[in-house]
Amino acid sequence: MESPYVFCGQEGQPYQRVVKGFRQACRRAGIIDFRFHDLRHTFASHLIMQGVLLRTVQELLGHKTGQMTLRYIHLSTPHLQQAVSILETALTSAPGIQQEGLQK
């Protein structure tokens, strides 16, 4: 049965409490130091890293301000390295740009 809820029973009604089951699942999977609320941070971070606009993520999270949404976004190290690589490529391929210090 289809339901607008992510966490729901077979009849499509939302679970009233999911935290206990979430903790048990984490324990069984060997995941430590992870809270249910951390899923919101993961959701926001992955959307931004896939190019979704901040305003869209803000709407999806139900935040009133973009400033609050920024608190939820944590970019991965590979994502940050890719951003720097894009700049490095642009600088090393641009004609007339000093190449000193940019060689690997």
Protein backbone atom coordinates (compact mmCIF):
# COMPACT_ATOMS: atom_id res chain seq x y z
CA MET A 1 0.00 0.00 0.00
CA GLU A 2 1.29 3.48 -0.84
CA SER A 3 1.73 5.97 1.97
CA PRO A 4 3.05 9.53 2.23
CA TYR A 5 5.06 8.40 5.28
CA VAL A 6 8.56 6.94 5.23
CA PHE A 7 8.05 4.96 8.43
CA CYS A 8 4.64 3.31 8.41
CA GLY A 9 2.81 0.07 9.02
CA GLN A 10 1.22 -2.19 6.43
CA GLU A 11 -1.94 -0.07 6.43
CA GLY A 12 0.04 3.09 5.59
CA GLN A 13 -0.41 4.70 9.00
CA PRO A 14 2.71 6.38 10.43
CA TYR A 15 4.50 4.75 13.35
CA GLN A 16 4.08 6.79 16.49
CA ARG A 17 7.56 5.99 17.81
CA VAL A 18 10.51 4.86 15.70
CA VAL A 19 13.44 5.76 17.94
CA LYS A 20 13.48 2.51 19.93
CA GLY A 21 13.43 0.37 16.78
CA PHE A 22 16.09 2.59 15.22
CA ARG A 23 18.38 2.13 18.24
CA GLN A 24 17.91 -1.64 18.11
CA ALA A 25 18.69 -1.70 14.39
CA CYS A 26 21.86 0.36 14.95
CA ARG A 27 22.93 -1.94 17.78
CA ARG A 28 22.38 -5.05 15.64
CA ALA A 29 24.31 -3.45 12.74
CA GLY A 30 27.19 -2.45 15.02
CA ILE A 31 26.61 1.27 14.41
CA ILE A 32 27.64 3.39 17.38
CA ASP A 33 27.24 7.08 18.17
CA PHE A 34 24.45 7.65 15.64
CA ARG A 35 21.09 9.21 16.49
CA PHE A 36 17.84 9.13 14.56
CA HIS A 37 18.11 12.91 14.08
CA ASP A 38 21.45 12.40 12.30
CA LEU A 39 19.45 11.11 9.33
CA ARG A 40 18.26 14.70 8.68
CA HIS A 41 21.89 15.83 8.47
CA THR A 42 22.72 12.97 6.10
CA PHE A 43 19.67 13.76 3.94
CA ALA A 44 20.60 17.46 3.67
CA SER A 45 24.28 16.80 3.01
CA HIS A 46 23.68 14.29 0.23
CA LEU A 47 21.15 16.52 -1.51
CA ILE A 48 23.54 19.49 -1.52
CA MET A 49 26.45 17.33 -2.73
CA GLN A 50 24.24 16.21 -5.65
CA GLY A 51 23.65 19.82 -6.67
CA VAL A 52 20.19 20.41 -5.16
CA LEU A 53 19.70 24.09 -4.39
CA LEU A 54 19.94 25.23 -0.78
CA ARG A 55 16.45 26.75 -0.96
CA THR A 56 15.02 23.40 -2.06
CA VAL A 57 16.73 21.56 0.80
CA GLN A 58 15.45 24.25 3.17
CA GLU A 59 11.89 23.56 1.98
CA LEU A 60 12.28 19.81 2.28
CA LEU A 61 13.57 20.09 5.85
CA GLY A 62 10.90 22.61 6.78
CA HIS A 63 13.36 25.26 7.90
CA LYS A 64 12.33 28.91 8.02
CA THR A 65 15.81 30.17 7.14
CA GLY A 66 18.68 29.06 4.94
CA GLN A 67 20.97 29.72 7.90
CA MET A 68 19.36 26.84 9.80
CA THR A 69 19.69 24.58 6.77
CA LEU A 70 23.40 25.39 6.56
CA ARG A 71 23.81 23.96 10.06
CA TYR A 72 22.60 20.60 8.72
CA ILE A 73 24.99 20.38 5.79
CA HIS A 74 28.28 18.55 6.22
CA LEU A 75 30.25 18.10 3.00
CA SER A 76 32.37 14.99 2.59
CA THR A 77 36.14 15.20 2.17
CA PRO A 78 36.00 13.75 -1.39
CA HIS A 79 33.37 16.34 -2.32
CA LEU A 80 35.58 19.17 -1.04
CA GLN A 81 38.63 17.72 -2.81
CA GLN A 82 36.67 17.56 -6.07
CA ALA A 83 35.76 21.25 -5.72
CA VAL A 84 39.42 22.19 -5.31
CA SER A 85 40.35 19.95 -8.25
CA ILE A 86 37.89 21.84 -10.46
CA LEU A 87 39.61 25.11 -9.58
CA GLU A 88 43.05 23.58 -10.11
CA THR A 89 42.03 22.34 -13.57
CA ALA A 90 40.64 25.75 -14.50
CA LEU A 91 43.78 27.55 -13.38
CA THR A 92 46.24 25.18 -15.04
CA SER A 93 44.39 25.15 -18.36
CA ALA A 94 43.68 28.90 -18.60
CA PRO A 95 45.96 30.69 -21.08
CA GLY A 96 48.14 33.42 -19.59
CA ILE A 97 47.83 32.23 -15.99
CA GLN A 98 51.07 31.85 -14.04
CA GLN A 99 51.76 28.14 -13.59
CA GLU A 100 54.20 28.53 -10.71
CA GLY A 101 53.37 26.39 -7.70
CA LEU A 102 50.53 24.55 -9.46
CA GLN A 103 52.53 21.57 -10.72
CA LYS A 104 52.16 18.30 -8.87
